[in-house]
C-alpha atoms as a PDB file:
ATOM      1  CA  MET A   1      17.970   7.966 -11.284  1.00  0.00           C
ATOM      2  CA  PRO A   2      15.594   5.606 -11.759  1.00  0.00           C
ATOM      3  CA  GLU A   3      12.525   7.024 -13.528  1.00  0.00           C
ATOM      4  CA  ALA A   4       9.765   7.572 -11.026  1.00  0.00           C
ATOM      5  CA  ARG A   5       6.757   5.054 -11.309  1.00  0.00           C
ATOM      6  CA  SER A   6       3.350   5.604 -12.101  1.00  0.00           C
ATOM      7  CA  PHE A   7       0.470   5.766  -9.355  1.00  0.00           C
ATOM      8  CA  SER A   8      -1.192   2.712 -10.863  1.00  0.00           C
ATOM      9  CA  ALA A   9       2.315   0.836 -10.977  1.00  0.00           C
ATOM     10  CA  TRP A  10       2.806   1.686  -7.428  1.00  0.00           C
ATOM     11  CA  LYS A  11      -0.635   0.989  -6.003  1.00  0.00           C
ATOM     12  CA  SER A  12      -0.040  -2.408  -8.197  1.00  0.00           C
ATOM     13  CA  GLU A  13       2.863  -3.225  -6.282  1.00  0.00           C
ATOM     14  CA  ILE A  14       1.274  -2.634  -3.090  1.00  0.00           C
ATOM     15  CA  VAL A  15      -1.836  -4.863  -3.861  1.00  0.00           C
ATOM     16  CA  SER A  16       1.043  -7.560  -4.921  1.00  0.00           C
ATOM     17  CA  TRP A  17       2.793  -7.198  -1.636  1.00  0.00           C
ATOM     18  CA  LEU A  18      -0.135  -7.890   0.577  1.00  0.00           C
ATOM     19  CA  ILE A  19      -1.706 -10.585  -1.523  1.00  0.00           C
ATOM     20  CA  SER A  20       2.149 -12.455  -1.025  1.00  0.00           C
ATOM     21  CA  LEU A  21       2.199 -12.278   2.805  1.00  0.00           C
ATOM     22  CA  PRO A  22       1.465 -15.434   4.193  1.00  0.00           C
ATOM     23  CA  ASP A  23      -1.416 -15.729   6.645  1.00  0.00           C
ATOM     24  CA  ARG A  24      -1.319 -18.935   8.080  1.00  0.00           C
ATOM     25  CA  GLY A  25      -0.387 -19.992  11.273  1.00  0.00           C
ATOM     26  CA  ARG A  26      -2.132 -16.666  12.639  1.00  0.00           C
ATOM     27  CA  LYS A  27      -4.038 -16.021  15.384  1.00  0.00           C
ATOM     28  CA  ASP A  28      -7.388 -14.553  14.074  1.00  0.00           C
ATOM     29  CA  SER A  29      -6.278 -14.970  10.436  1.00  0.00           C
ATOM     30  CA  TYR A  30      -9.807 -14.049   9.575  1.00  0.00           C
ATOM     31  CA  VAL A  31      -9.562 -10.819  10.521  1.00  0.00           C
ATOM     32  CA  PHE A  32      -5.591 -10.345   8.988  1.00  0.00           C
ATOM     33  CA  GLU A  33      -7.468 -11.355   5.357  1.00  0.00           C
ATOM     34  CA  GLU A  34     -10.339  -9.032   6.284  1.00  0.00           C
ATOM     35  CA  GLN A  35      -8.232  -5.931   6.922  1.00  0.00           C
ATOM     36  CA  ARG A  36      -6.192  -6.752   4.094  1.00  0.00           C
ATOM     37  CA  ASN A  37      -9.113  -7.217   1.771  1.00  0.00           C
ATOM     38  CA  ALA A  38      -9.819  -3.590   3.030  1.00  0.00           C
ATOM     39  CA  ILE A  39      -6.778  -2.322   2.101  1.00  0.00           C
ATOM     40  CA  ILE A  40      -6.493  -3.931  -1.219  1.00  0.00           C
ATOM     41  CA  ALA A  41     -10.113  -2.537  -2.135  1.00  0.00           C
ATOM     42  CA  THR A  42      -9.222   0.940  -0.709  1.00  0.00           C
ATOM     43  CA  LEU A  43      -6.209   1.247  -3.410  1.00  0.00           C
ATOM     44  CA  ARG A  44      -8.235   0.215  -6.058  1.00  0.00           C
ATOM     45  CA  TYR A  45     -10.031   3.105  -6.037  1.00  0.00           C
ATOM     46  CA  LEU A  46      -7.244   5.243  -4.761  1.00  0.00           C
ATOM     47  CA  ARG A  47      -6.600   8.706  -5.704  1.00  0.00           C
ATOM     48  CA  THR A  48      -3.686  11.035  -5.012  1.00  0.00           C
ATOM     49  CA  ASN A  49      -5.938  13.271  -3.254  1.00  0.00           C
ATOM     50  CA  MET A  50      -6.131   9.774  -0.379  1.00  0.00           C
ATOM     51  CA  LEU A  51      -2.378   9.135  -0.299  1.00  0.00           C
ATOM     52  CA  SER A  52      -1.861  10.513   2.879  1.00  0.00           C
ATOM     53  CA  ARG A  53      -4.662   8.166   4.752  1.00  0.00           C
ATOM     54  CA  ILE A  54      -3.488   5.081   2.573  1.00  0.00           C
ATOM     55  CA  LEU A  55       0.151   5.017   3.970  1.00  0.00           C
ATOM     56  CA  ALA A  56      -1.550   5.756   7.539  1.00  0.00           C
ATOM     57  CA  ASP A  57      -3.703   2.385   7.073  1.00  0.00           C
ATOM     58  CA  LEU A  58      -0.772   0.260   5.583  1.00  0.00           C
ATOM     59  CA  HIS A  59       1.165   1.806   8.381  1.00  0.00           C
ATOM     60  CA  GLN A  60      -1.677   0.559  11.186  1.00  0.00           C
ATOM     61  CA  PHE A  61      -1.641  -2.534   9.630  1.00  0.00           C
ATOM     62  CA  CYS A  62       2.150  -3.480   9.466  1.00  0.00           C
ATOM     63  CA  SER A  63       2.449  -1.887  12.854  1.00  0.00           C
ATOM     64  CA  PHE A  64      -0.872  -3.870  14.153  1.00  0.00           C
ATOM     65  CA  TRP A  65       0.419  -7.008  12.673  1.00  0.00           C
ATOM     66  CA  ASP A  66       4.352  -6.844  13.198  1.00  0.00           C
ATOM     67  CA  LEU A  67       5.246  -6.519   9.773  1.00  0.00           C
ATOM     68  CA  ASP A  68       7.994  -4.677   7.975  1.00  0.00           C
ATOM     69  CA  PHE A  69       6.934  -2.887   5.245  1.00  0.00           C
ATOM     70  CA  PRO A  70       9.128  -3.129   2.598  1.00  0.00           C
ATOM     71  CA  SER A  71      10.828   0.784   2.114  1.00  0.00           C
ATOM     72  CA  ASP A  72      11.484   0.091  -2.028  1.00  0.00           C
ATOM     73  CA  LEU A  73       7.500   0.560  -1.741  1.00  0.00           C
ATOM     74  CA  LEU A  74       7.221   3.606  -0.373  1.00  0.00           C
ATOM     75  CA  PRO A  75       6.772   6.380  -3.279  1.00  0.00           C
ATOM     76  CA  SER A  76      10.198   8.879  -3.141  1.00  0.00           C
ATOM     77  CA  ARG A  77       8.835  12.726  -2.797  1.00  0.00           C
ATOM     78  CA  GLU A  78       9.290  13.392  -6.192  1.00  0.00           C
ATOM     79  CA  GLU A  79       7.030  10.100  -7.592  1.00  0.00           C
ATOM     80  CA  ILE A  80       4.347  11.710  -4.897  1.00  0.00           C
ATOM     81  CA  ARG A  81       5.382  15.555  -6.424  1.00  0.00           C
ATOM     82  CA  ARG A  82       4.531  13.898 -10.508  1.00  0.00           C
ATOM     83  CA  TRP A  83       1.340  11.728  -9.306  1.00  0.00           C
ATOM     84  CA  PHE A  84      -0.134  15.100  -8.284  1.00  0.00           C
ATOM     85  CA  GLU A  85       1.246  16.813 -10.911  1.00  0.00           C
ATOM     86  CA  ARG A  86      -0.297  14.815 -13.341  1.00  0.00           C
ATOM     87  CA  GLY A  87      -3.520  14.174 -11.453  1.00  0.00           C
ATOM     88  CA  ASP A  88      -3.469  10.769 -10.950  1.00  0.00           C
END
């Protein structure tokens, strides 16, 4: 079994994915950019006790913009358990 990511590493992966999303050609691209930047800002200060909130925000963002969230970026139960145990 691969070693679980740290909470910081997971947040960095999410930010990298969000930054990589193209916004060219999108109708209302300024709204897309604002929403993406808001999620990135939240991730910078995110603690484990806010994990469900950011996952809900990511789900809503992806649903609204018809994006497929990469399943390999979803944290495993083991990762979440370790993050809470360490108090990340």
